[in-house]
Structures are given as structure tokens and as C-alpha cells.
């Protein structure tokens, strides 16, 4: 069965080639056997392009129909879907855009595509349960313990106004030239109420957040204080208040 699937998929991506299945194709109606494969080819590519259309609405708006469909066609040819559920397609689209000519004109496209894909990914994901508040006291005395943060929390630190660009499809009369070009530092997340949100953070808060993901708590706090200027101590408590309120701390982990 696996060999059959591989051969069929090979033909599906390039109907002009010949393999062991080519002679087994049966004509359908007025279509020759080789033309039947082109019907499958067109249906498959149209479906994948429609998924890209659904997932990357803002990228589509920036590029326009012709250029977006051209980029999509090339992506589909080089990145066939690894998923049985085609609705998950587009996982590597942001990485693909990094090396494309369109990203020279619009350097924010890879980041924008990353936000759009993870929004879709978060939409279908189950929200993990937040940790019981009383358990958090353990990290104050155990230097080997760290915070386990929700996987539905993704930080962005960009020199582009990603949030405003992402919002462009909601404003038909607005274009890139009307956006104030400011840095964006924020997180995209899905909270305990199953709502997908964004939350603006300061660069120092984002730096501390990254340390909390990869270090024991006490070590992260030690390293993280270097990013905060004098008088910014309140930003630390604001970060933890945000994480707690939104249910984004889901456990403790040992290092």
C-alpha cells in the first residue's frame, strides 16, 4: 500500500512522468488515461492553493492575486502536503518566503506568514490547563525548577508594524503607506478562555520571557534583570501578572 501511495503521489505532483502506475490508469468518459491524472493534479493543487488563501489572507492582500498565486504555485510544487488533513497545509510557508524575491520588496512577509499560520494552528489547538497558583511557590526555593509555559504562546520581536499589517484585510480602504512604521514587540497566544489574542510587551519583557522558557526560574530572573533599566521593576511584575491572568503557566519543570 505504501509503495502504491508513493507512486500515485509522484504522478500527482508530475503527471507527465511515467512510473509503474502509469499503465494501470483507466480512462474515464471522454478522458484518456493520462488526462485523468491531470484532473487529479488540478484538483489537488486547487485545494492546496485554497488552503493558502484561507491561512495567509494578509500576505495575499499585500501581494495581490497574481503574485500571491504565482508564489503559491511554486510553494505547492516544492512543498507537497505532509498531512492527511490538508487544512494543516502551509506550515513552512513563512520559511519558504524568506528566500523569495517578493520578500526583498516586502521584508516583513515571512514574519507575517508565521503569525497567520500560528493563528490558524492555535484556533484548532486544545488549551492546556493552567497550573494551580499555590504550586508556584516552589520555584522561589528550588534552583532546579523552571516554569512550563503554554505551547500556545508565541513571541514576536520585529522592526516592522506586524500587527497593523496583519489587520489590513479588515480595512478595505487602508494600505501600507498609511501605516506608522514602528517596531512591534508582542506575543500571540490562546488563553484559558480559548480566545486567541495579542499582547504588547517591552523588549526587556520579551527577553525575560525567552529566558523563562529555557532556564530555571531563579537563573532566568538573574539573567533577565540585566535587560531592565532602573525604575522598570514594575515591568517584571506586569509580565507575571499577564502570564497568570491568561493561564499561560501550565506547570513546573526540572533542569
Protein backbone atom coordinates (compact mmCIF):
# COMPACT_ATOMS: atom_id res chain seq x y z
CA UNK A 1 0.00 0.00 0.00
CA UNK A 2 2.80 2.42 0.91
CA UNK A 3 4.52 1.78 -2.44
CA UNK A 4 1.23 2.44 -4.25
CA UNK A 5 0.70 5.68 -2.34
CA UNK A 6 4.23 6.87 -3.13
CA UNK A 7 3.84 6.08 -6.83
CA UNK A 8 0.43 7.73 -7.02
CA UNK A 9 1.68 10.83 -5.23
CA UNK A 10 4.69 11.02 -7.55
CA UNK A 11 2.32 11.05 -10.53
CA UNK A 12 0.08 13.54 -8.77
CA UNK A 13 2.94 16.03 -8.47
CA UNK A 14 4.13 15.45 -12.04
CA UNK A 15 1.56 13.80 -14.35
CA UNK A 16 3.98 13.94 -17.31
CA UNK A 17 6.28 11.34 -15.82
CA UNK A 18 5.91 7.58 -16.17
CA UNK A 19 6.06 5.02 -13.38
CA UNK A 20 4.62 1.61 -12.52
CA UNK A 21 1.12 3.06 -12.14
CA UNK A 22 1.02 4.85 -15.47
CA UNK A 23 -0.22 1.82 -17.38
CA UNK A 24 -2.83 0.99 -14.74
CA UNK A 25 -4.76 4.25 -15.10
CA UNK A 26 -8.23 3.71 -16.54
CA UNK A 27 -9.85 6.16 -18.99
CA UNK A 28 -12.92 7.95 -17.65
CA UNK A 29 -15.65 9.04 -20.02
CA UNK A 30 -14.07 11.04 -22.85
CA UNK A 31 -10.80 11.44 -20.96
CA UNK A 32 -7.74 9.41 -21.84
CA UNK A 33 -5.92 7.64 -19.01
CA UNK A 34 -3.16 10.29 -18.88
CA UNK A 35 -5.76 13.07 -18.84
CA UNK A 36 -7.40 11.52 -15.78
CA UNK A 37 -4.19 12.12 -13.85
CA UNK A 38 -4.24 15.79 -14.84
CA UNK A 39 -7.72 16.08 -13.35
CA UNK A 40 -6.35 14.77 -10.04
CA UNK A 41 -3.37 17.12 -10.38
CA UNK A 42 -5.54 20.19 -10.91
CA UNK A 43 -7.95 19.30 -8.11
CA UNK A 44 -5.09 18.71 -5.66
CA UNK A 45 -3.32 21.97 -6.49
CA UNK A 46 -6.54 23.99 -6.41
CA UNK A 47 -7.31 22.59 -2.96
CA UNK A 48 -3.85 23.42 -1.61
CA UNK A 49 -3.98 26.91 -3.08
CA UNK A 50 -7.38 27.46 -1.45
CA UNK A 51 -5.82 26.49 1.92
CA UNK A 52 -3.04 29.03 1.38
CA UNK A 53 -5.72 31.60 0.54
CA UNK A 54 -7.52 30.86 3.82
CA UNK A 55 -4.42 30.82 6.01
CA UNK A 56 -2.50 33.76 4.59
CA UNK A 57 -5.10 36.43 3.94
CA UNK A 58 -2.83 39.35 4.85
CA UNK A 59 0.05 38.07 2.71
CA UNK A 60 -2.45 37.69 -0.14
CA UNK A 61 -3.64 41.28 0.30
CA UNK A 62 -0.07 42.62 0.27
CA UNK A 63 0.96 40.70 -2.88
CA UNK A 64 -2.29 40.84 -4.83
CA UNK A 65 -3.89 37.96 -6.71
CA UNK A 66 -1.38 37.34 -9.50
CA UNK A 67 1.78 37.45 -7.41
CA UNK A 68 0.29 35.53 -4.49
CA UNK A 69 -0.98 32.74 -6.76
CA UNK A 70 2.41 32.59 -8.52
CA UNK A 71 4.23 32.26 -5.18
CA UNK A 72 1.64 29.72 -4.03
CA UNK A 73 2.05 27.59 -7.14
CA UNK A 74 5.82 27.40 -6.66
CA UNK A 75 5.43 26.58 -2.97
CA UNK A 76 2.98 23.76 -3.72
CA UNK A 77 5.35 22.27 -6.30
CA UNK A 78 8.26 22.19 -3.87
CA UNK A 79 6.33 21.54 -0.62
CA UNK A 80 3.67 18.83 -1.06
CA UNK A 81 1.43 18.44 1.95
CA UNK A 82 2.81 16.06 4.63
CA UNK A 83 -0.63 15.97 6.30
CA UNK A 84 -3.65 13.78 5.62
CA UNK A 85 -5.67 16.81 6.73
CA UNK A 86 -4.98 19.37 4.00
CA UNK A 87 -6.35 22.06 6.29
CA UNK A 88 -3.00 21.97 8.12
CA UNK A 89 -1.09 22.87 4.97
CA UNK A 90 1.30 25.83 4.89
CA UNK A 91 3.47 25.06 7.91
CA UNK A 92 6.69 26.01 6.09
CA UNK A 93 5.31 28.86 4.00
CA UNK A 94 6.91 31.54 6.20
CA UNK A 95 10.33 29.88 5.91
CA UNK A 96 9.86 29.50 2.15
CA UNK A 97 9.13 33.21 1.78
CA UNK A 98 12.50 34.18 3.29
CA UNK A 99 14.32 33.22 0.10
CA UNK A 100 11.76 34.57 -2.35
CA UNK A 101 12.20 37.74 -4.38
CA UNK A 102 8.93 39.19 -3.06
CA UNK A 103 10.45 39.36 0.42
CA UNK A 104 13.08 41.79 -0.85
CA UNK A 105 10.32 44.28 -1.58
CA UNK A 106 8.26 43.27 1.47
CA UNK A 107 10.79 42.06 4.08
CA UNK A 108 8.07 41.56 6.71
CA UNK A 109 6.32 38.79 4.71
CA UNK A 110 7.96 35.79 6.45
CA UNK A 111 7.02 37.12 9.90
CA UNK A 112 3.53 37.99 8.73
CA UNK A 113 3.04 34.49 7.32
CA UNK A 114 4.29 32.99 10.59
CA UNK A 115 1.66 34.93 12.56
CA UNK A 116 -1.12 33.92 10.18
CA UNK A 117 -0.20 30.23 10.24
CA UNK A 118 0.05 30.09 14.03
CA UNK A 119 -3.26 31.87 14.39
CA UNK A 120 -4.84 29.02 12.42
CA UNK A 121 -2.84 26.43 14.36
CA UNK A 122 -3.89 27.91 17.72
CA UNK A 123 -7.52 28.09 16.60
CA UNK A 124 -7.76 24.29 16.39
CA UNK A 125 -5.50 23.51 19.36
CA UNK A 126 -6.76 22.46 22.79
CA UNK A 127 -5.82 24.81 25.62
CA UNK A 128 -3.69 23.15 28.34
CA UNK A 129 -4.79 23.58 31.93
CA UNK A 130 -3.07 26.34 33.92
CA UNK A 131 -1.03 25.48 37.00
CA UNK A 132 -2.59 25.83 40.45
CA UNK A 133 -1.27 29.14 41.89
CA UNK A 134 -0.13 27.57 45.17
CA UNK A 135 2.36 25.35 43.32
CA UNK A 136 4.28 28.37 42.04
CA UNK A 137 5.81 28.97 45.47
CA UNK A 138 8.17 26.02 44.83
CA UNK A 139 10.22 27.95 42.26
CA UNK A 140 11.27 30.50 44.87
CA UNK A 141 13.35 27.98 46.81
CA UNK A 142 14.33 25.27 44.29
CA UNK A 143 17.04 26.44 41.90
CA UNK A 144 16.45 23.46 39.58
CA UNK A 145 12.81 24.29 38.84
CA UNK A 146 11.56 26.36 35.94
CA UNK A 147 8.23 27.41 34.52
CA UNK A 148 6.47 25.37 31.86
CA UNK A 149 4.71 27.84 29.59
CA UNK A 150 1.81 27.14 27.28
CA UNK A 151 2.81 25.94 23.78
CA UNK A 152 0.08 28.31 22.57
CA UNK A 153 2.28 31.32 23.32
CA UNK A 154 4.48 32.71 20.55
CA UNK A 155 6.67 35.82 20.92
CA UNK A 156 7.44 38.28 18.13
CA UNK A 157 10.08 40.99 18.14
CA UNK A 158 10.03 42.81 14.84
CA UNK A 159 11.27 46.03 13.29
CA UNK A 160 8.01 46.09 11.30
CA UNK A 161 4.47 47.07 12.41
CA UNK A 162 3.25 43.48 12.06
CA UNK A 163 0.00 43.91 13.96
CA UNK A 164 -1.21 46.75 11.76
CA UNK A 165 -0.15 44.94 8.60
CA UNK A 166 -1.91 41.78 9.78
CA UNK A 167 -5.06 43.84 10.31
CA UNK A 168 -5.07 45.32 6.78
CA UNK A 169 -7.67 42.88 5.33
CA UNK A 170 -10.18 44.32 7.82
CA UNK A 171 -9.81 47.78 6.26
CA UNK A 172 -10.53 47.78 2.53
CA UNK A 173 -9.51 51.41 2.02
CA UNK A 174 -6.29 51.24 4.06
CA UNK A 175 -2.88 50.42 2.57
CA UNK A 176 0.74 50.05 3.66
CA UNK A 177 1.54 53.71 3.05
CA UNK A 178 -0.90 54.75 5.78
CA UNK A 179 0.72 52.64 8.49
CA UNK A 180 3.05 54.25 11.03
CA UNK A 181 6.28 52.26 10.74
CA UNK A 182 7.09 51.36 14.35
CA UNK A 183 8.72 48.31 15.93
CA UNK A 184 6.37 45.64 17.26
CA UNK A 185 7.10 43.54 20.35
CA UNK A 186 4.26 41.25 21.31
CA UNK A 187 3.02 37.73 21.89
CA UNK A 188 0.34 35.79 20.07
CA UNK A 189 -1.44 33.38 22.41
CA UNK A 190 -4.57 31.42 23.19
CA UNK A 191 -5.77 31.93 26.74
CA UNK A 192 -7.63 29.78 29.25
CA UNK A 193 -10.94 31.14 27.90
CA UNK A 194 -9.93 29.75 24.46
CA UNK A 195 -9.61 33.21 22.94
CA UNK A 196 -6.71 33.99 20.61
CA UNK A 197 -5.18 37.35 21.44
CA UNK A 198 -2.10 39.51 21.06
CA UNK A 199 -0.44 41.38 23.90
CA UNK A 200 2.17 44.12 23.53
CA UNK A 201 5.35 43.70 25.58
CA UNK A 202 8.51 45.73 26.07
CA UNK A 203 11.75 44.32 24.60
CA UNK A 204 13.03 43.59 28.13
CA UNK A 205 9.87 41.66 28.93
CA UNK A 206 10.24 39.57 25.79
CA UNK A 207 13.87 38.86 26.66
CA UNK A 208 12.84 37.67 30.13
CA UNK A 209 10.06 35.57 28.64
CA UNK A 210 12.55 33.77 26.39
CA UNK A 211 14.81 33.11 29.39
CA UNK A 212 11.89 31.69 31.37
CA UNK A 213 11.29 29.19 28.56
CA UNK A 214 14.85 27.86 28.58
CA UNK A 215 16.26 28.33 32.10
CA UNK A 216 15.39 27.50 35.70
CA UNK A 217 13.28 30.28 37.18
CA UNK A 218 15.88 31.76 39.55
CA UNK A 219 18.57 31.73 36.85
CA UNK A 220 16.20 33.31 34.34
CA UNK A 221 15.40 36.08 36.81
CA UNK A 222 19.10 36.66 37.47
CA UNK A 223 19.90 36.93 33.76
CA UNK A 224 16.71 38.78 32.92
CA UNK A 225 17.32 41.70 35.26
CA UNK A 226 20.16 42.82 33.01
CA UNK A 227 17.61 43.78 30.34
CA UNK A 228 15.64 46.15 32.58
CA UNK A 229 16.67 49.73 33.24
CA UNK A 230 16.44 51.36 36.65
CA UNK A 231 12.84 52.07 37.57
CA UNK A 232 11.44 49.32 35.31
CA UNK A 233 10.94 46.77 38.09
CA UNK A 234 7.17 47.07 37.61
CA UNK A 235 7.55 45.61 34.11
CA UNK A 236 8.62 42.30 35.66
CA UNK A 237 5.52 42.06 37.83
CA UNK A 238 3.36 43.14 34.87
CA UNK A 239 4.73 40.25 32.81
CA UNK A 240 3.95 37.68 35.51
CA UNK A 241 0.53 39.16 36.10
CA UNK A 242 -0.21 38.78 32.40
CA UNK A 243 1.01 35.16 32.32
CA UNK A 244 -1.02 34.24 35.40
CA UNK A 245 -4.20 36.07 34.42
CA UNK A 246 -4.28 34.49 30.97
CA UNK A 247 -3.47 30.98 32.24
CA UNK A 248 -0.21 30.67 30.29
CA UNK A 249 1.84 28.99 33.04
CA UNK A 250 0.86 25.33 32.82
CA UNK A 251 3.36 23.60 35.10
CA UNK A 252 6.86 23.33 36.50
CA UNK A 253 9.83 21.50 35.01
CA UNK A 254 13.16 20.32 36.38
CA UNK A 255 16.52 21.14 34.82
